[in-house]
Amino acid sequence: MNKGLVLLVVLLTAAVLDAAPEAPRVLVRTELGDILIEVYPDKAPVTAANFLRYVDAGRYDGAVFHRTVTLGNQPQDRVGVEVIQGGLLPGEKSFPAIAHETTEATGLRHKDGTVSMARSTPGSATSSFFICIHDQPELDFGGQRNPDGQGFAAFGRVVAGMDVVRMIHERPAEGQNLKPPVKIISVKRAQGSIPRAATTGKTKV
């Protein structure tokens, strides 16, 4: 390959990278501190759009983190996980449920800090979301946390504020219900975005 062609390839590659869509950021402000989430509409378009719809409509403002799942409070579950879960307050009407995007389809994985949608059956997810503490492969497609093996729909990750996530995870609870719940003050798109990152019944996880 001659030098001119090599230079052309380099320039074209740089142009493609510059044109790559940016991942929006969402700032979750809680009474215990802030959590910054990076969302991946390019990889999980249905699930990301659903989450951002609630954000842009202000539906998470005043909501709560209501559930903490630890290795010590899930004796009835064959496969244990570690997450915190939040969403709308009880009685608040959600937008319609969305189609289930598996991690097999999106290429995302439930790693430490991954943000994903809670569900019961596939296609039942609405507003409730959870954040992983430590890697949770049993929540991926083929994992055994949910007997249907379809896993959960990951759509983003925490890029700042995991200390706040872990603080919520360690709060007092009755069973898995946080007592009291942790208040979400607001959930809004953060100012600016960052370049797209390379990412490898009762709704619950």
C-alpha atoms as a PDB file:
ATOM      1  CA  MET A   1       0.000   0.000   0.000  1.00  0.00           C
ATOM      2  CA  ASN A   2       1.488   3.349  -1.040  1.00  0.00           C
ATOM      3  CA  LYS A   3       1.917   6.275   1.360  1.00  0.00           C
ATOM      4  CA  GLY A   4      -0.843   8.324  -0.260  1.00  0.00           C
ATOM      5  CA  LEU A   5      -3.371   5.556   0.210  1.00  0.00           C
ATOM      6  CA  VAL A   6      -2.275   4.993   3.816  1.00  0.00           C
ATOM      7  CA  LEU A   7      -2.751   8.703   4.537  1.00  0.00           C
ATOM      8  CA  LEU A   8      -6.216   8.627   2.961  1.00  0.00           C
ATOM      9  CA  VAL A   9      -7.240   5.663   5.118  1.00  0.00           C
ATOM     10  CA  VAL A  10      -5.988   7.430   8.252  1.00  0.00           C
ATOM     11  CA  LEU A  11      -7.886  10.618   7.385  1.00  0.00           C
ATOM     12  CA  LEU A  12     -11.095   8.720   6.624  1.00  0.00           C
ATOM     13  CA  THR A  13     -10.829   6.780   9.886  1.00  0.00           C
ATOM     14  CA  ALA A  14     -10.352  10.010  11.831  1.00  0.00           C
ATOM     15  CA  ALA A  15     -13.368  11.542  10.105  1.00  0.00           C
ATOM     16  CA  VAL A  16     -15.536   8.557  10.990  1.00  0.00           C
ATOM     17  CA  LEU A  17     -14.446   8.709  14.638  1.00  0.00           C
ATOM     18  CA  ASP A  18     -15.109  12.442  14.784  1.00  0.00           C
ATOM     19  CA  ALA A  19     -18.597  11.864  13.376  1.00  0.00           C
ATOM     20  CA  ALA A  20     -19.444   9.076  15.836  1.00  0.00           C
ATOM     21  CA  PRO A  21     -22.532   9.851  17.899  1.00  0.00           C
ATOM     22  CA  GLU A  22     -21.970  11.010  21.438  1.00  0.00           C
ATOM     23  CA  ALA A  23     -23.330   9.247  24.494  1.00  0.00           C
ATOM     24  CA  PRO A  24     -25.680  11.475  26.505  1.00  0.00           C
ATOM     25  CA  ARG A  25     -25.043  11.873  30.211  1.00  0.00           C
ATOM     26  CA  VAL A  26     -27.736  11.991  32.866  1.00  0.00           C
ATOM     27  CA  LEU A  27     -27.205  13.443  36.342  1.00  0.00           C
ATOM     28  CA  VAL A  28     -29.130  11.705  39.114  1.00  0.00           C
ATOM     29  CA  ARG A  29     -29.199  13.945  42.186  1.00  0.00           C
ATOM     30  CA  THR A  30     -30.074  12.108  45.398  1.00  0.00           C
ATOM     31  CA  GLU A  31     -30.229  13.165  49.025  1.00  0.00           C
ATOM     32  CA  LEU A  32     -26.955  11.269  49.542  1.00  0.00           C
ATOM     33  CA  GLY A  33     -25.070  12.690  46.549  1.00  0.00           C
ATOM     34  CA  ASP A  34     -24.911  12.692  42.762  1.00  0.00           C
ATOM     35  CA  ILE A  35     -24.660   9.815  40.276  1.00  0.00           C
ATOM     36  CA  LEU A  36     -23.607  10.491  36.684  1.00  0.00           C
ATOM     37  CA  ILE A  37     -24.855   7.983  34.097  1.00  0.00           C
ATOM     38  CA  GLU A  38     -23.696   7.534  30.511  1.00  0.00           C
ATOM     39  CA  VAL A  39     -26.487   6.222  28.257  1.00  0.00           C
ATOM     40  CA  TYR A  40     -25.986   4.163  25.061  1.00  0.00           C
ATOM     41  CA  PRO A  41     -28.757   4.880  22.510  1.00  0.00           C
ATOM     42  CA  ASP A  42     -26.561   3.480  19.733  1.00  0.00           C
ATOM     43  CA  LYS A  43     -26.334   0.045  21.358  1.00  0.00           C
ATOM     44  CA  ALA A  44     -29.661  -0.206  23.190  1.00  0.00           C
ATOM     45  CA  PRO A  45     -31.926   2.205  21.260  1.00  0.00           C
ATOM     46  CA  VAL A  46     -35.290   1.073  22.643  1.00  0.00           C
ATOM     47  CA  THR A  47     -34.227   0.871  26.283  1.00  0.00           C
ATOM     48  CA  ALA A  48     -32.129   4.044  26.237  1.00  0.00           C
ATOM     49  CA  ALA A  49     -34.940   6.002  24.565  1.00  0.00           C
ATOM     50  CA  ASN A  50     -37.358   4.760  27.223  1.00  0.00           C
ATOM     51  CA  PHE A  51     -35.102   5.904  30.077  1.00  0.00           C
ATOM     52  CA  LEU A  52     -34.443   9.278  28.448  1.00  0.00           C
ATOM     53  CA  ARG A  53     -38.182   9.731  27.881  1.00  0.00           C
ATOM     54  CA  TYR A  54     -38.752   9.566  31.633  1.00  0.00           C
ATOM     55  CA  VAL A  55     -35.771  11.872  32.205  1.00  0.00           C
ATOM     56  CA  ASP A  56     -36.893  14.499  29.689  1.00  0.00           C
ATOM     57  CA  ALA A  57     -40.458  14.418  31.027  1.00  0.00           C
ATOM     58  CA  GLY A  58     -39.178  15.006  34.573  1.00  0.00           C
ATOM     59  CA  ARG A  59     -40.868  11.806  35.731  1.00  0.00           C
ATOM     60  CA  TYR A  60     -37.961  10.675  37.917  1.00  0.00           C
ATOM     61  CA  ASP A  61     -37.820  13.989  39.793  1.00  0.00           C
ATOM     62  CA  GLY A  62     -38.996  13.268  43.328  1.00  0.00           C
ATOM     63  CA  ALA A  63     -38.826   9.496  42.837  1.00  0.00           C
ATOM     64  CA  VAL A  64     -36.830   7.142  45.079  1.00  0.00           C
ATOM     65  CA  PHE A  65     -34.333   4.342  45.265  1.00  0.00           C
ATOM     66  CA  HIS A  66     -36.527   1.876  47.113  1.00  0.00           C
ATOM     67  CA  ARG A  67     -34.695  -1.446  46.964  1.00  0.00           C
ATOM     68  CA  THR A  68     -31.282  -2.814  47.848  1.00  0.00           C
ATOM     69  CA  VAL A  69     -30.365  -6.392  46.959  1.00  0.00           C
ATOM     70  CA  THR A  70     -27.397  -7.728  48.909  1.00  0.00           C
ATOM     71  CA  LEU A  71     -25.895 -11.178  49.292  1.00  0.00           C
ATOM     72  CA  GLY A  72     -27.458 -11.337  52.744  1.00  0.00           C
ATOM     73  CA  ASN A  73     -31.106 -10.487  51.994  1.00  0.00           C
ATOM     74  CA  GLN A  74     -32.183 -12.829  49.191  1.00  0.00           C
ATOM     75  CA  PRO A  75     -32.493 -16.264  50.808  1.00  0.00           C
ATOM     76  CA  GLN A  76     -35.323 -17.296  48.482  1.00  0.00           C
ATOM     77  CA  ASP A  77     -33.319 -16.664  45.305  1.00  0.00           C
ATOM     78  CA  ARG A  78     -31.280 -19.496  43.826  1.00  0.00           C
ATOM     79  CA  VAL A  79     -28.888 -17.038  42.151  1.00  0.00           C
ATOM     80  CA  GLY A  80     -27.771 -14.015  44.164  1.00  0.00           C
ATOM     81  CA  VAL A  81     -27.012 -10.555  42.756  1.00  0.00           C
ATOM     82  CA  GLU A  82     -26.063  -7.144  44.156  1.00  0.00           C
ATOM     83  CA  VAL A  83     -27.984  -4.096  42.895  1.00  0.00           C
ATOM     84  CA  ILE A  84     -29.936  -1.044  43.943  1.00  0.00           C
ATOM     85  CA  GLN A  85     -33.274  -0.295  42.286  1.00  0.00           C
ATOM     86  CA  GLY A  86     -35.230   2.905  41.768  1.00  0.00           C
ATOM     87  CA  GLY A  87     -38.111   4.308  39.763  1.00  0.00           C
ATOM     88  CA  LEU A  88     -41.429   6.071  40.060  1.00  0.00           C
ATOM     89  CA  LEU A  89     -43.277   6.307  43.343  1.00  0.00           C
ATOM     90  CA  PRO A  90     -46.030   3.713  43.953  1.00  0.00           C
ATOM     91  CA  GLY A  91     -49.263   4.675  42.230  1.00  0.00           C
ATOM     92  CA  GLU A  92     -47.625   6.870  39.594  1.00  0.00           C
ATOM     93  CA  LYS A  93     -48.556   5.933  36.045  1.00  0.00           C
ATOM     94  CA  SER A  94     -45.720   4.760  33.813  1.00  0.00           C
ATOM     95  CA  PHE A  95     -45.354   5.054  30.079  1.00  0.00           C
ATOM     96  CA  PRO A  96     -46.234   1.867  28.152  1.00  0.00           C
ATOM     97  CA  ALA A  97     -43.908  -1.113  28.591  1.00  0.00           C
ATOM     98  CA  ILE A  98     -41.139  -1.565  26.034  1.00  0.00           C
ATOM     99  CA  ALA A  99     -39.736  -4.438  23.983  1.00  0.00           C
ATOM    100  CA  HIS A 100     -36.967  -6.397  25.662  1.00  0.00           C
ATOM    101  CA  GLU A 101     -33.429  -5.747  24.334  1.00  0.00           C
ATOM    102  CA  THR A 102     -31.175  -8.595  25.454  1.00  0.00           C
ATOM    103  CA  THR A 103     -27.475  -8.224  26.120  1.00  0.00           C
ATOM    104  CA  GLU A 104     -26.964 -10.746  23.331  1.00  0.00           C
ATOM    105  CA  ALA A 105     -28.474  -8.202  20.936  1.00  0.00           C
ATOM    106  CA  THR A 106     -26.831  -5.059  22.368  1.00  0.00           C
ATOM    107  CA  GLY A 107     -23.384  -6.411  23.258  1.00  0.00           C
ATOM    108  CA  LEU A 108     -23.593  -4.682  26.648  1.00  0.00           C
ATOM    109  CA  ARG A 109     -22.872  -6.581  29.846  1.00  0.00           C
ATOM    110  CA  HIS A 110     -23.881  -6.250  33.486  1.00  0.00           C
ATOM    111  CA  LYS A 111     -20.581  -5.015  34.868  1.00  0.00           C
ATOM    112  CA  ASP A 112     -19.909  -3.002  38.010  1.00  0.00           C
ATOM    113  CA  GLY A 113     -21.881   0.236  37.560  1.00  0.00           C
ATOM    114  CA  THR A 114     -24.051  -0.979  34.669  1.00  0.00           C
ATOM    115  CA  VAL A 115     -27.529   0.574  34.562  1.00  0.00           C
ATOM    116  CA  SER A 116     -30.346  -1.696  33.398  1.00  0.00           C
ATOM    117  CA  MET A 117     -34.141  -2.024  33.403  1.00  0.00           C
ATOM    118  CA  ALA A 118     -36.048  -4.084  35.949  1.00  0.00           C
ATOM    119  CA  ARG A 119     -38.770  -6.362  34.627  1.00  0.00           C
ATOM    120  CA  SER A 120     -40.915  -9.377  35.380  1.00  0.00           C
ATOM    121  CA  THR A 121     -41.589 -11.016  32.002  1.00  0.00           C
ATOM    122  CA  PRO A 122     -39.749  -9.982  28.803  1.00  0.00           C
ATOM    123  CA  GLY A 123     -41.411  -6.871  27.414  1.00  0.00           C
ATOM    124  CA  SER A 124     -42.770  -5.659  30.785  1.00  0.00           C
ATOM    125  CA  ALA A 125     -40.131  -3.010  31.659  1.00  0.00           C
ATOM    126  CA  THR A 126     -41.422   0.502  32.268  1.00  0.00           C
ATOM    127  CA  SER A 127     -39.780   3.021  34.632  1.00  0.00           C
ATOM    128  CA  SER A 128     -37.927   0.901  37.183  1.00  0.00           C
ATOM    129  CA  PHE A 129     -34.154   0.718  36.723  1.00  0.00           C
ATOM    130  CA  PHE A 130     -31.270  -0.754  38.678  1.00  0.00           C
ATOM    131  CA  ILE A 131     -27.525  -0.260  39.079  1.00  0.00           C
ATOM    132  CA  CYS A 132     -25.117  -3.176  39.459  1.00  0.00           C
ATOM    133  CA  ILE A 133     -22.679  -3.420  42.338  1.00  0.00           C
ATOM    134  CA  HIS A 134     -19.774  -5.599  41.145  1.00  0.00           C
ATOM    135  CA  ASP A 135     -20.012  -7.634  37.913  1.00  0.00           C
ATOM    136  CA  GLN A 136     -23.312  -9.510  37.611  1.00  0.00           C
ATOM    137  CA  PRO A 137     -23.074 -11.971  34.666  1.00  0.00           C
ATOM    138  CA  GLU A 138     -26.182 -13.833  35.837  1.00  0.00           C
ATOM    139  CA  LEU A 139     -28.186 -10.782  34.724  1.00  0.00           C
ATOM    140  CA  ASP A 140     -26.950 -11.122  31.130  1.00  0.00           C
ATOM    141  CA  PHE A 141     -28.696 -13.118  28.401  1.00  0.00           C
ATOM    142  CA  GLY A 142     -28.349 -16.776  29.332  1.00  0.00           C
ATOM    143  CA  GLY A 143     -27.903 -15.952  33.017  1.00  0.00           C
ATOM    144  CA  GLN A 144     -29.965 -17.728  35.621  1.00  0.00           C
ATOM    145  CA  ARG A 145     -31.203 -14.865  37.823  1.00  0.00           C
ATOM    146  CA  ASN A 146     -34.451 -14.952  35.857  1.00  0.00           C
ATOM    147  CA  PRO A 147     -35.526 -18.507  34.938  1.00  0.00           C
ATOM    148  CA  ASP A 148     -36.480 -17.467  31.388  1.00  0.00           C
ATOM    149  CA  GLY A 149     -32.780 -16.940  30.599  1.00  0.00           C
ATOM    150  CA  GLN A 150     -33.437 -13.704  28.702  1.00  0.00           C
ATOM    151  CA  GLY A 151     -31.533 -11.563  31.175  1.00  0.00           C
ATOM    152  CA  PHE A 152     -32.136  -7.852  31.647  1.00  0.00           C
ATOM    153  CA  ALA A 153     -31.825  -4.872  29.305  1.00  0.00           C
ATOM    154  CA  ALA A 154     -28.628  -2.933  30.049  1.00  0.00           C
ATOM    155  CA  PHE A 155     -28.512   0.548  28.543  1.00  0.00           C
ATOM    156  CA  GLY A 156     -25.861   2.595  30.359  1.00  0.00           C
ATOM    157  CA  ARG A 157     -23.259   2.786  33.097  1.00  0.00           C
ATOM    158  CA  VAL A 158     -22.277   4.960  36.024  1.00  0.00           C
ATOM    159  CA  VAL A 159     -19.259   7.109  35.142  1.00  0.00           C
ATOM    160  CA  ALA A 160     -19.129   9.025  38.439  1.00  0.00           C
ATOM    161  CA  GLY A 161     -20.746   8.543  41.821  1.00  0.00           C
ATOM    162  CA  MET A 162     -20.309   4.826  42.453  1.00  0.00           C
ATOM    163  CA  ASP A 163     -19.489   5.792  46.039  1.00  0.00           C
ATOM    164  CA  VAL A 164     -23.051   7.098  46.312  1.00  0.00           C
ATOM    165  CA  VAL A 165     -24.409   3.894  44.719  1.00  0.00           C
ATOM    166  CA  ARG A 166     -22.528   1.793  47.285  1.00  0.00           C
ATOM    167  CA  MET A 167     -23.731   4.060  50.097  1.00  0.00           C
ATOM    168  CA  ILE A 168     -27.344   3.453  49.030  1.00  0.00           C
ATOM    169  CA  HIS A 169     -26.640  -0.281  48.762  1.00  0.00           C
ATOM    170  CA  GLU A 170     -25.522  -0.341  52.395  1.00  0.00           C
ATOM    171  CA  ARG A 171     -28.456   1.643  53.832  1.00  0.00           C
ATOM    172  CA  PRO A 172     -30.841   0.063  56.379  1.00  0.00           C
ATOM    173  CA  ALA A 173     -33.539  -2.134  54.883  1.00  0.00           C
ATOM    174  CA  GLU A 174     -36.395  -4.405  55.875  1.00  0.00           C
ATOM    175  CA  GLY A 175     -35.780  -7.391  53.681  1.00  0.00           C
ATOM    176  CA  GLN A 176     -34.884  -5.716  50.393  1.00  0.00           C
ATOM    177  CA  ASN A 177     -36.961  -2.562  50.962  1.00  0.00           C
ATOM    178  CA  LEU A 178     -34.914   0.475  51.917  1.00  0.00           C
ATOM    179  CA  LYS A 179     -36.204   1.973  55.171  1.00  0.00           C
ATOM    180  CA  PRO A 180     -36.491   4.814  54.503  1.00  0.00           C
ATOM    181  CA  PRO A 181     -36.180   4.976  50.709  1.00  0.00           C
ATOM    182  CA  VAL A 182     -33.464   7.256  49.354  1.00  0.00           C
ATOM    183  CA  LYS A 183     -35.003  10.340  47.751  1.00  0.00           C
ATOM    184  CA  ILE A 184     -34.153  11.241  44.159  1.00  0.00           C
ATOM    185  CA  ILE A 185     -34.163  15.023  43.957  1.00  0.00           C
ATOM    186  CA  SER A 186     -33.908  15.280  40.184  1.00  0.00           C
ATOM    187  CA  VAL A 187     -32.799  13.351  37.101  1.00  0.00           C
ATOM    188  CA  LYS A 188     -31.769  15.545  34.183  1.00  0.00           C
ATOM    189  CA  ARG A 189     -29.508  15.463  31.164  1.00  0.00           C
ATOM    190  CA  ALA A 190     -26.082  16.751  32.090  1.00  0.00           C
ATOM    191  CA  GLN A 191     -24.674  19.742  30.265  1.00  0.00           C
ATOM    192  CA  GLY A 192     -22.696  18.506  27.259  1.00  0.00           C
ATOM    193  CA  SER A 193     -21.888  14.951  26.294  1.00  0.00           C
ATOM    194  CA  ILE A 194     -18.794  12.791  26.051  1.00  0.00           C
ATOM    195  CA  PRO A 195     -17.483  10.797  23.093  1.00  0.00           C
ATOM    196  CA  ARG A 196     -19.173   7.436  22.728  1.00  0.00           C
ATOM    197  CA  ALA A 197     -17.431   4.870  24.911  1.00  0.00           C
ATOM    198  CA  ALA A 198     -16.464   1.434  23.656  1.00  0.00           C
ATOM    199  CA  THR A 199     -18.661  -0.944  25.654  1.00  0.00           C
ATOM    200  CA  THR A 200     -18.417  -4.390  25.561  1.00  0.00           C
ATOM    201  CA  GLY A 201     -46.501  -8.427  37.768  1.00  0.00           C
ATOM    202  CA  LYS A 202     -43.885  -6.501  40.011  1.00  0.00           C
ATOM    203  CA  THR A 203     -40.850  -5.541  38.100  1.00  0.00           C
ATOM    204  CA  LYS A 204     -37.688  -6.615  39.819  1.00  0.00           C
ATOM    205  CA  VAL A 205     -34.248  -8.045  39.201  1.00  0.00           C
END
